[in-house]
Amino acid sequence: MGRIEQAFRRAREERRAVIAPYFTVGYPDVPATVEGVSAAIRAGADLIELGVPFSDPLADGATIQKSSTAALNNSVTLQSCLEVTRLIRAQFQDTAIFFMGYYNPFLQYGIEKLADDAAAAGIDGLIVPDLPPEESGPLDDVISRHSLDLIYLIAPTSPDERIEAISKRARGFIYCVSLTGVTGARDAVSAGVPALIQRVRAHTDVPLALGFGISRPDHVASVAPIVDGVVIGSAMVNLMGDTPAAERTQVVENYVRSLADAGRR
């Protein structure tokens, strides 16, 4: 059983939602990323989503776009992201870690080399938001041989036949996008979430994690009864960028702990 599957099984047994915070690698700088991730894990994060900086992050809103640009200006590369993973994995053996990145950097790096190096560094899976499921076969085939999961996204606009096709391929978990649009913190969870989750559940028993717009404990509490996990992206990035360095570790711990507490059913 892989670390992603273990995380969801553990959370299910403990009657709570998996907490998966997102960090752009290299924002505000590389040491801060390692410190922030470590703080989040100590506070109860089950999965860590590491964003690989890219110049054209089309699925992301202003917050993550800004963080990606800053990381690129800090000379962060895919190789840097692998090194950050190795540093985190040296401290935390059991926490699942996955990359969220766009296909161009992965393709330029080389899919076979990426699979080799990601597995060696301790990565458990990949999310590639600009790679359509219909074209994902070559990447999925390669990384599956290294026991890495390719995580697929399902949006409210996804037709049932597409949901069914994705569900047949899914491993690890399915990332359910809570709204039509890009990433970014919102004031409330979309009213369409229950219907989306119900539609996806009809096709699969794979765990479902909800992301896009989840930023506060009350958001987590409102969806914890119907999803298996939540992904916290832009709010986490804002926290990393806006908090003074001397306070960042404690602020991240307090924030993630509040989300974890809210996710208990």
C-alpha atoms as a PDB file:
ATOM      1  CA  MET A   1       0.000   0.000   0.000  1.00  0.00           C
ATOM      2  CA  GLY A   2       1.407   3.403  -1.004  1.00  0.00           C
ATOM      3  CA  ARG A   3       1.602   6.456   1.209  1.00  0.00           C
ATOM      4  CA  ILE A   4      -1.354   8.179  -0.466  1.00  0.00           C
ATOM      5  CA  GLU A   5      -3.611   5.171   0.078  1.00  0.00           C
ATOM      6  CA  GLN A   6      -2.343   4.838   3.641  1.00  0.00           C
ATOM      7  CA  ALA A   7      -3.150   8.493   4.359  1.00  0.00           C
ATOM      8  CA  PHE A   8      -6.762   8.133   3.258  1.00  0.00           C
ATOM      9  CA  ARG A   9      -7.202   4.814   5.047  1.00  0.00           C
ATOM     10  CA  ARG A  10      -5.804   6.276   8.274  1.00  0.00           C
ATOM     11  CA  ALA A  11      -8.064   9.305   8.065  1.00  0.00           C
ATOM     12  CA  ARG A  12     -11.106   7.142   7.341  1.00  0.00           C
ATOM     13  CA  GLU A  13     -10.386   4.993  10.395  1.00  0.00           C
ATOM     14  CA  GLU A  14     -10.018   8.149  12.501  1.00  0.00           C
ATOM     15  CA  ARG A  15     -13.237   9.619  11.068  1.00  0.00           C
ATOM     16  CA  ARG A  16     -11.724  12.748   9.620  1.00  0.00           C
ATOM     17  CA  ALA A  17     -10.847  14.329   6.302  1.00  0.00           C
ATOM     18  CA  VAL A  18      -7.334  14.227   4.892  1.00  0.00           C
ATOM     19  CA  ILE A  19      -5.654  17.642   4.988  1.00  0.00           C
ATOM     20  CA  ALA A  20      -3.464  18.457   1.973  1.00  0.00           C
ATOM     21  CA  PRO A  21      -1.813  21.897   1.984  1.00  0.00           C
ATOM     22  CA  TYR A  22      -0.148  23.253  -1.135  1.00  0.00           C
ATOM     23  CA  PHE A  23       3.247  24.962  -1.233  1.00  0.00           C
ATOM     24  CA  THR A  24       4.884  26.567  -4.259  1.00  0.00           C
ATOM     25  CA  VAL A  25       8.455  25.339  -4.071  1.00  0.00           C
ATOM     26  CA  GLY A  26      10.761  28.335  -3.638  1.00  0.00           C
ATOM     27  CA  TYR A  27       8.143  30.779  -2.373  1.00  0.00           C
ATOM     28  CA  PRO A  28       9.040  32.918  -0.615  1.00  0.00           C
ATOM     29  CA  ASP A  29      12.319  30.984  -0.830  1.00  0.00           C
ATOM     30  CA  VAL A  30      13.517  27.379  -0.704  1.00  0.00           C
ATOM     31  CA  PRO A  31      14.403  27.240   3.030  1.00  0.00           C
ATOM     32  CA  ALA A  32      10.974  28.695   3.855  1.00  0.00           C
ATOM     33  CA  THR A  33       9.316  25.958   1.780  1.00  0.00           C
ATOM     34  CA  VAL A  34      11.084  23.220   3.724  1.00  0.00           C
ATOM     35  CA  GLU A  35      10.290  24.892   7.049  1.00  0.00           C
ATOM     36  CA  GLY A  36       6.656  25.490   6.090  1.00  0.00           C
ATOM     37  CA  VAL A  37       6.081  21.932   4.922  1.00  0.00           C
ATOM     38  CA  SER A  38       7.713  20.569   8.066  1.00  0.00           C
ATOM     39  CA  ALA A  39       5.482  22.758  10.228  1.00  0.00           C
ATOM     40  CA  ALA A  40       2.385  21.630   8.346  1.00  0.00           C
ATOM     41  CA  ILE A  41       3.231  17.956   8.796  1.00  0.00           C
ATOM     42  CA  ARG A  42       3.854  18.419  12.504  1.00  0.00           C
ATOM     43  CA  ALA A  43       0.443  20.102  12.762  1.00  0.00           C
ATOM     44  CA  GLY A  44      -1.411  17.221  11.125  1.00  0.00           C
ATOM     45  CA  ALA A  45      -1.114  17.522   7.338  1.00  0.00           C
ATOM     46  CA  ASP A  46      -1.582  14.101   5.719  1.00  0.00           C
ATOM     47  CA  LEU A  47      -0.540  14.922   2.154  1.00  0.00           C
ATOM     48  CA  ILE A  48       1.767  17.640   0.863  1.00  0.00           C
ATOM     49  CA  GLU A  49       1.222  19.152  -2.576  1.00  0.00           C
ATOM     50  CA  LEU A  50       4.400  20.736  -3.928  1.00  0.00           C
ATOM     51  CA  GLY A  51       3.849  23.173  -6.768  1.00  0.00           C
ATOM     52  CA  VAL A  52       6.515  23.077  -9.482  1.00  0.00           C
ATOM     53  CA  PRO A  53       6.945  26.706 -10.673  1.00  0.00           C
ATOM     54  CA  PHE A  54       5.999  27.371 -14.285  1.00  0.00           C
ATOM     55  CA  SER A  55       5.806  30.541 -16.365  1.00  0.00           C
ATOM     56  CA  ASP A  56       2.229  29.949 -17.564  1.00  0.00           C
ATOM     57  CA  PRO A  57       0.209  28.234 -14.805  1.00  0.00           C
ATOM     58  CA  LEU A  58      -3.112  28.346 -16.632  1.00  0.00           C
ATOM     59  CA  ALA A  59      -5.197  26.593 -13.963  1.00  0.00           C
ATOM     60  CA  ASP A  60      -4.064  28.988 -11.239  1.00  0.00           C
ATOM     61  CA  GLY A  61      -5.307  32.365 -10.100  1.00  0.00           C
ATOM     62  CA  ALA A  62      -3.348  35.478  -9.171  1.00  0.00           C
ATOM     63  CA  THR A  63      -1.987  34.173  -5.858  1.00  0.00           C
ATOM     64  CA  ILE A  64      -0.280  31.067  -7.192  1.00  0.00           C
ATOM     65  CA  GLN A  65       0.746  32.845 -10.404  1.00  0.00           C
ATOM     66  CA  LYS A  66       2.555  35.418  -8.272  1.00  0.00           C
ATOM     67  CA  SER A  67       4.232  32.746  -6.150  1.00  0.00           C
ATOM     68  CA  SER A  68       5.318  30.828  -9.249  1.00  0.00           C
ATOM     69  CA  THR A  69       6.880  33.936 -10.773  1.00  0.00           C
ATOM     70  CA  ALA A  70       8.713  34.677  -7.528  1.00  0.00           C
ATOM     71  CA  ALA A  71      10.017  31.115  -7.351  1.00  0.00           C
ATOM     72  CA  LEU A  72      11.259  31.260 -10.946  1.00  0.00           C
ATOM     73  CA  ASN A  73      13.006  34.528 -10.087  1.00  0.00           C
ATOM     74  CA  ASN A  74      14.633  32.588  -7.237  1.00  0.00           C
ATOM     75  CA  SER A  75      16.016  30.207  -9.904  1.00  0.00           C
ATOM     76  CA  VAL A  76      13.848  27.291  -8.768  1.00  0.00           C
ATOM     77  CA  THR A  77      13.755  24.410 -11.256  1.00  0.00           C
ATOM     78  CA  LEU A  78      12.257  20.944 -11.341  1.00  0.00           C
ATOM     79  CA  GLN A  79      15.605  19.705 -10.055  1.00  0.00           C
ATOM     80  CA  SER A  80      15.230  22.115  -7.108  1.00  0.00           C
ATOM     81  CA  CYS A  81      11.798  20.652  -6.394  1.00  0.00           C
ATOM     82  CA  LEU A  82      13.246  17.154  -6.285  1.00  0.00           C
ATOM     83  CA  GLU A  83      15.937  18.317  -3.873  1.00  0.00           C
ATOM     84  CA  VAL A  84      13.324  19.926  -1.615  1.00  0.00           C
ATOM     85  CA  THR A  85      11.433  16.629  -1.654  1.00  0.00           C
ATOM     86  CA  ARG A  86      14.553  14.752  -0.592  1.00  0.00           C
ATOM     87  CA  LEU A  87      15.066  17.173   2.314  1.00  0.00           C
ATOM     88  CA  ILE A  88      11.475  16.744   3.485  1.00  0.00           C
ATOM     89  CA  ARG A  89      11.508  12.981   3.015  1.00  0.00           C
ATOM     90  CA  ALA A  90      14.642  12.713   5.166  1.00  0.00           C
ATOM     91  CA  GLN A  91      12.589  14.075   8.072  1.00  0.00           C
ATOM     92  CA  PHE A  92       9.189  12.572   7.356  1.00  0.00           C
ATOM     93  CA  GLN A  93       9.067   9.024   6.014  1.00  0.00           C
ATOM     94  CA  ASP A  94       5.330   8.409   6.115  1.00  0.00           C
ATOM     95  CA  THR A  95       3.722  11.602   4.780  1.00  0.00           C
ATOM     96  CA  ALA A  96       2.532  11.420   1.172  1.00  0.00           C
ATOM     97  CA  ILE A  97       4.033  14.038  -1.158  1.00  0.00           C
ATOM     98  CA  PHE A  98       2.948  14.776  -4.703  1.00  0.00           C
ATOM     99  CA  PHE A  99       3.934  17.306  -7.359  1.00  0.00           C
ATOM    100  CA  MET A 100       1.464  19.646  -9.002  1.00  0.00           C
ATOM    101  CA  GLY A 101       3.088  20.778 -12.196  1.00  0.00           C
ATOM    102  CA  TYR A 102       2.426  21.586 -15.822  1.00  0.00           C
ATOM    103  CA  TYR A 103       3.405  19.187 -18.550  1.00  0.00           C
ATOM    104  CA  ASN A 104       6.036  21.279 -20.304  1.00  0.00           C
ATOM    105  CA  PRO A 105       8.678  21.118 -17.518  1.00  0.00           C
ATOM    106  CA  PHE A 106       8.023  17.407 -17.041  1.00  0.00           C
ATOM    107  CA  LEU A 107       8.315  16.700 -20.763  1.00  0.00           C
ATOM    108  CA  GLN A 108      11.480  18.786 -21.085  1.00  0.00           C
ATOM    109  CA  TYR A 109      13.030  16.959 -18.135  1.00  0.00           C
ATOM    110  CA  GLY A 110      12.205  13.624 -19.716  1.00  0.00           C
ATOM    111  CA  ILE A 111       9.376  11.388 -18.559  1.00  0.00           C
ATOM    112  CA  GLU A 112      11.509   8.332 -17.835  1.00  0.00           C
ATOM    113  CA  LYS A 113      14.084  10.420 -15.949  1.00  0.00           C
ATOM    114  CA  LEU A 114      11.311  12.225 -14.061  1.00  0.00           C
ATOM    115  CA  ALA A 115       9.785   8.928 -12.959  1.00  0.00           C
ATOM    116  CA  ASP A 116      13.166   7.591 -11.840  1.00  0.00           C
ATOM    117  CA  ASP A 117      14.185  10.736  -9.979  1.00  0.00           C
ATOM    118  CA  ALA A 118      10.769  11.430  -8.450  1.00  0.00           C
ATOM    119  CA  ALA A 119      10.504   7.915  -7.065  1.00  0.00           C
ATOM    120  CA  ALA A 120      14.046   8.100  -5.696  1.00  0.00           C
ATOM    121  CA  ALA A 121      13.319  11.458  -4.043  1.00  0.00           C
ATOM    122  CA  GLY A 122      10.179  10.138  -2.355  1.00  0.00           C
ATOM    123  CA  ILE A 123       7.395  11.536  -4.517  1.00  0.00           C
ATOM    124  CA  ASP A 124       4.152   9.537  -4.460  1.00  0.00           C
ATOM    125  CA  GLY A 125       2.218  11.069  -7.340  1.00  0.00           C
ATOM    126  CA  LEU A 126       1.762  13.807  -9.916  1.00  0.00           C
ATOM    127  CA  ILE A 127      -1.019  16.222 -10.809  1.00  0.00           C
ATOM    128  CA  VAL A 128      -0.711  17.665 -14.324  1.00  0.00           C
ATOM    129  CA  PRO A 129      -3.675  20.014 -14.842  1.00  0.00           C
ATOM    130  CA  ASP A 130      -2.930  20.805 -18.488  1.00  0.00           C
ATOM    131  CA  LEU A 131      -2.605  17.163 -19.565  1.00  0.00           C
ATOM    132  CA  PRO A 132      -5.998  15.865 -20.752  1.00  0.00           C
ATOM    133  CA  PRO A 133      -6.846  12.336 -19.588  1.00  0.00           C
ATOM    134  CA  GLU A 134      -7.161  11.279 -23.214  1.00  0.00           C
ATOM    135  CA  GLU A 135      -3.472  12.135 -23.734  1.00  0.00           C
ATOM    136  CA  SER A 136      -2.137  11.003 -20.371  1.00  0.00           C
ATOM    137  CA  GLY A 137      -1.406   7.380 -21.283  1.00  0.00           C
ATOM    138  CA  PRO A 138       2.342   7.704 -21.981  1.00  0.00           C
ATOM    139  CA  LEU A 139       3.014   9.549 -18.705  1.00  0.00           C
ATOM    140  CA  ASP A 140       0.711   7.319 -16.684  1.00  0.00           C
ATOM    141  CA  ASP A 141       2.296   4.161 -18.048  1.00  0.00           C
ATOM    142  CA  VAL A 142       5.802   5.311 -17.168  1.00  0.00           C
ATOM    143  CA  ILE A 143       5.156   6.596 -13.671  1.00  0.00           C
ATOM    144  CA  SER A 144       2.933   3.645 -12.738  1.00  0.00           C
ATOM    145  CA  ARG A 145       5.931   1.378 -13.239  1.00  0.00           C
ATOM    146  CA  HIS A 146       7.582   3.359 -10.432  1.00  0.00           C
ATOM    147  CA  SER A 147       4.495   3.045  -8.183  1.00  0.00           C
ATOM    148  CA  LEU A 148       3.613   6.716  -8.659  1.00  0.00           C
ATOM    149  CA  ASP A 149      -0.024   7.774  -8.961  1.00  0.00           C
ATOM    150  CA  LEU A 150      -1.255  10.138 -11.664  1.00  0.00           C
ATOM    151  CA  ILE A 151      -3.958  12.212  -9.999  1.00  0.00           C
ATOM    152  CA  TYR A 152      -6.785  13.299 -12.279  1.00  0.00           C
ATOM    153  CA  LEU A 153      -8.995  16.360 -11.889  1.00  0.00           C
ATOM    154  CA  ILE A 154     -12.762  16.410 -12.291  1.00  0.00           C
ATOM    155  CA  ALA A 155     -14.607  19.717 -12.597  1.00  0.00           C
ATOM    156  CA  PRO A 156     -18.294  20.634 -12.235  1.00  0.00           C
ATOM    157  CA  THR A 157     -18.417  20.898 -16.026  1.00  0.00           C
ATOM    158  CA  SER A 158     -17.135  17.342 -16.566  1.00  0.00           C
ATOM    159  CA  PRO A 159     -19.820  15.211 -18.284  1.00  0.00           C
ATOM    160  CA  ASP A 160     -20.705  11.848 -16.778  1.00  0.00           C
ATOM    161  CA  GLU A 161     -18.958   9.886 -19.522  1.00  0.00           C
ATOM    162  CA  ARG A 162     -15.723  11.745 -18.801  1.00  0.00           C
ATOM    163  CA  ILE A 163     -16.105  11.150 -15.064  1.00  0.00           C
ATOM    164  CA  GLU A 164     -16.573   7.453 -15.760  1.00  0.00           C
ATOM    165  CA  ALA A 165     -13.473   7.308 -17.979  1.00  0.00           C
ATOM    166  CA  ILE A 166     -11.334   9.113 -15.401  1.00  0.00           C
ATOM    167  CA  SER A 167     -12.654   6.921 -12.606  1.00  0.00           C
ATOM    168  CA  LYS A 168     -11.490   3.787 -14.429  1.00  0.00           C
ATOM    169  CA  ARG A 169      -7.926   5.160 -14.573  1.00  0.00           C
ATOM    170  CA  ALA A 170      -7.779   6.790 -11.150  1.00  0.00           C
ATOM    171  CA  ARG A 171      -5.267   5.769  -8.495  1.00  0.00           C
ATOM    172  CA  GLY A 172      -4.506   7.385  -5.161  1.00  0.00           C
ATOM    173  CA  PHE A 173      -7.372   9.866  -5.195  1.00  0.00           C
ATOM    174  CA  ILE A 174      -9.400  12.033  -7.553  1.00  0.00           C
ATOM    175  CA  TYR A 175      -9.050  15.803  -7.244  1.00  0.00           C
ATOM    176  CA  CYS A 176     -12.533  17.332  -7.433  1.00  0.00           C
ATOM    177  CA  VAL A 177     -12.495  20.992  -8.456  1.00  0.00           C
ATOM    178  CA  SER A 178     -15.105  22.809  -6.404  1.00  0.00           C
ATOM    179  CA  LEU A 179     -15.941  25.467  -8.981  1.00  0.00           C
ATOM    180  CA  THR A 180     -15.622  26.551 -12.569  1.00  0.00           C
ATOM    181  CA  GLY A 181     -12.561  28.776 -12.721  1.00  0.00           C
ATOM    182  CA  VAL A 182      -9.005  29.028 -11.438  1.00  0.00           C
ATOM    183  CA  THR A 183      -7.478  28.539  -8.016  1.00  0.00           C
ATOM    184  CA  GLY A 184      -7.937  31.201  -5.352  1.00  0.00           C
ATOM    185  CA  ALA A 185      -9.342  31.674  -1.866  1.00  0.00           C
ATOM    186  CA  ARG A 186     -13.100  32.334  -1.739  1.00  0.00           C
ATOM    187  CA  ASP A 187     -15.517  33.431   0.976  1.00  0.00           C
ATOM    188  CA  ALA A 188     -17.709  30.346   0.681  1.00  0.00           C
ATOM    189  CA  VAL A 189     -17.646  26.844  -0.735  1.00  0.00           C
ATOM    190  CA  SER A 190     -19.582  26.509  -3.970  1.00  0.00           C
ATOM    191  CA  ALA A 191     -23.176  25.367  -3.519  1.00  0.00           C
ATOM    192  CA  GLY A 192     -22.621  22.882  -6.334  1.00  0.00           C
ATOM    193  CA  VAL A 193     -20.101  20.764  -4.399  1.00  0.00           C
ATOM    194  CA  PRO A 194     -22.546  18.158  -2.995  1.00  0.00           C
ATOM    195  CA  ALA A 195     -23.961  17.469  -6.449  1.00  0.00           C
ATOM    196  CA  LEU A 196     -20.470  17.130  -7.939  1.00  0.00           C
ATOM    197  CA  ILE A 197     -19.339  14.712  -5.224  1.00  0.00           C
ATOM    198  CA  GLN A 198     -22.505  12.654  -5.646  1.00  0.00           C
ATOM    199  CA  ARG A 199     -21.924  12.415  -9.400  1.00  0.00           C
ATOM    200  CA  VAL A 200     -18.334  11.252  -8.974  1.00  0.00           C
ATOM    201  CA  ARG A 201     -19.185   8.793  -6.169  1.00  0.00           C
ATOM    202  CA  ALA A 202     -21.574   7.059  -8.549  1.00  0.00           C
ATOM    203  CA  HIS A 203     -18.600   5.959 -10.636  1.00  0.00           C
ATOM    204  CA  THR A 204     -15.815   5.154  -8.181  1.00  0.00           C
ATOM    205  CA  ASP A 205     -14.729   4.122  -4.694  1.00  0.00           C
ATOM    206  CA  VAL A 206     -11.390   5.946  -5.070  1.00  0.00           C
ATOM    207  CA  PRO A 207     -11.010   8.692  -2.395  1.00  0.00           C
ATOM    208  CA  LEU A 208     -12.183  12.144  -3.399  1.00  0.00           C
ATOM    209  CA  ALA A 209     -10.333  15.314  -2.377  1.00  0.00           C
ATOM    210  CA  LEU A 210     -11.864  18.755  -2.882  1.00  0.00           C
ATOM    211  CA  GLY A 211      -9.824  21.790  -3.864  1.00  0.00           C
ATOM    212  CA  PHE A 212     -10.057  25.306  -5.324  1.00  0.00           C
ATOM    213  CA  GLY A 213     -11.466  27.902  -2.929  1.00  0.00           C
ATOM    214  CA  ILE A 214     -11.013  25.978   0.336  1.00  0.00           C
ATOM    215  CA  SER A 215      -9.325  28.360   2.741  1.00  0.00           C
ATOM    216  CA  ARG A 216     -10.930  28.378   6.215  1.00  0.00           C
ATOM    217  CA  PRO A 217     -11.785  25.883   8.952  1.00  0.00           C
ATOM    218  CA  ASP A 218     -15.504  26.454   8.399  1.00  0.00           C
ATOM    219  CA  HIS A 219     -15.031  25.509   4.735  1.00  0.00           C
ATOM    220  CA  VAL A 220     -13.357  22.270   5.785  1.00  0.00           C
ATOM    221  CA  ALA A 221     -16.070  21.529   8.350  1.00  0.00           C
ATOM    222  CA  SER A 222     -18.810  22.068   5.772  1.00  0.00           C
ATOM    223  CA  VAL A 223     -17.414  19.531   3.289  1.00  0.00           C
ATOM    224  CA  ALA A 224     -15.733  16.984   5.602  1.00  0.00           C
ATOM    225  CA  PRO A 225     -18.926  14.866   5.856  1.00  0.00           C
ATOM    226  CA  ILE A 226     -19.033  14.273   2.093  1.00  0.00           C
ATOM    227  CA  VAL A 227     -15.400  14.221   0.885  1.00  0.00           C
ATOM    228  CA  ASP A 228     -12.346  12.209   1.874  1.00  0.00           C
ATOM    229  CA  GLY A 229      -9.899  15.097   1.841  1.00  0.00           C
ATOM    230  CA  VAL A 230      -9.405  18.801   1.198  1.00  0.00           C
ATOM    231  CA  VAL A 231      -6.630  20.635  -0.625  1.00  0.00           C
ATOM    232  CA  ILE A 232      -5.736  24.118   0.636  1.00  0.00           C
ATOM    233  CA  GLY A 233      -3.836  26.089  -1.989  1.00  0.00           C
ATOM    234  CA  SER A 234      -3.970  29.851  -2.354  1.00  0.00           C
ATOM    235  CA  ALA A 235      -4.688  30.497   1.320  1.00  0.00           C
ATOM    236  CA  MET A 236      -1.588  28.518   2.266  1.00  0.00           C
ATOM    237  CA  VAL A 237       0.508  30.383  -0.295  1.00  0.00           C
ATOM    238  CA  ASN A 238      -0.755  33.727   1.009  1.00  0.00           C
ATOM    239  CA  LEU A 239       0.144  32.692   4.534  1.00  0.00           C
ATOM    240  CA  MET A 240       3.665  31.721   3.474  1.00  0.00           C
ATOM    241  CA  GLY A 241       4.223  34.988   1.651  1.00  0.00           C
ATOM    242  CA  ASP A 242       2.573  37.403   4.077  1.00  0.00           C
ATOM    243  CA  THR A 243       3.876  36.090   7.411  1.00  0.00           C
ATOM    244  CA  PRO A 244       7.185  37.444   8.746  1.00  0.00           C
ATOM    245  CA  ALA A 245       9.905  34.805   8.652  1.00  0.00           C
ATOM    246  CA  ALA A 246      10.315  34.726  12.424  1.00  0.00           C
ATOM    247  CA  GLU A 247       6.618  33.907  12.896  1.00  0.00           C
ATOM    248  CA  ARG A 248       5.998  31.685   9.869  1.00  0.00           C
ATOM    249  CA  THR A 249       6.535  28.268  11.432  1.00  0.00           C
ATOM    250  CA  GLN A 250       4.137  28.889  14.313  1.00  0.00           C
ATOM    251  CA  VAL A 251       1.533  30.542  12.102  1.00  0.00           C
ATOM    252  CA  VAL A 252       1.592  27.624   9.648  1.00  0.00           C
ATOM    253  CA  GLU A 253       1.297  25.104  12.479  1.00  0.00           C
ATOM    254  CA  ASN A 254      -1.658  26.948  14.010  1.00  0.00           C
ATOM    255  CA  TYR A 255      -3.419  27.273  10.656  1.00  0.00           C
ATOM    256  CA  VAL A 256      -3.006  23.646   9.612  1.00  0.00           C
ATOM    257  CA  ARG A 257      -4.011  22.425  13.072  1.00  0.00           C
ATOM    258  CA  SER A 258      -7.210  24.495  12.852  1.00  0.00           C
ATOM    259  CA  LEU A 259      -8.008  22.893   9.482  1.00  0.00           C
ATOM    260  CA  ALA A 260      -7.278  19.405  10.796  1.00  0.00           C
ATOM    261  CA  ASP A 261      -9.521  19.960  13.814  1.00  0.00           C
ATOM    262  CA  ALA A 262     -12.309  21.208  11.539  1.00  0.00           C
ATOM    263  CA  GLY A 263     -12.045  18.077   9.420  1.00  0.00           C
ATOM    264  CA  ARG A 264     -13.006  15.711  12.211  1.00  0.00           C
ATOM    265  CA  ARG A 265     -16.437  14.164  11.657  1.00  0.00           C
END
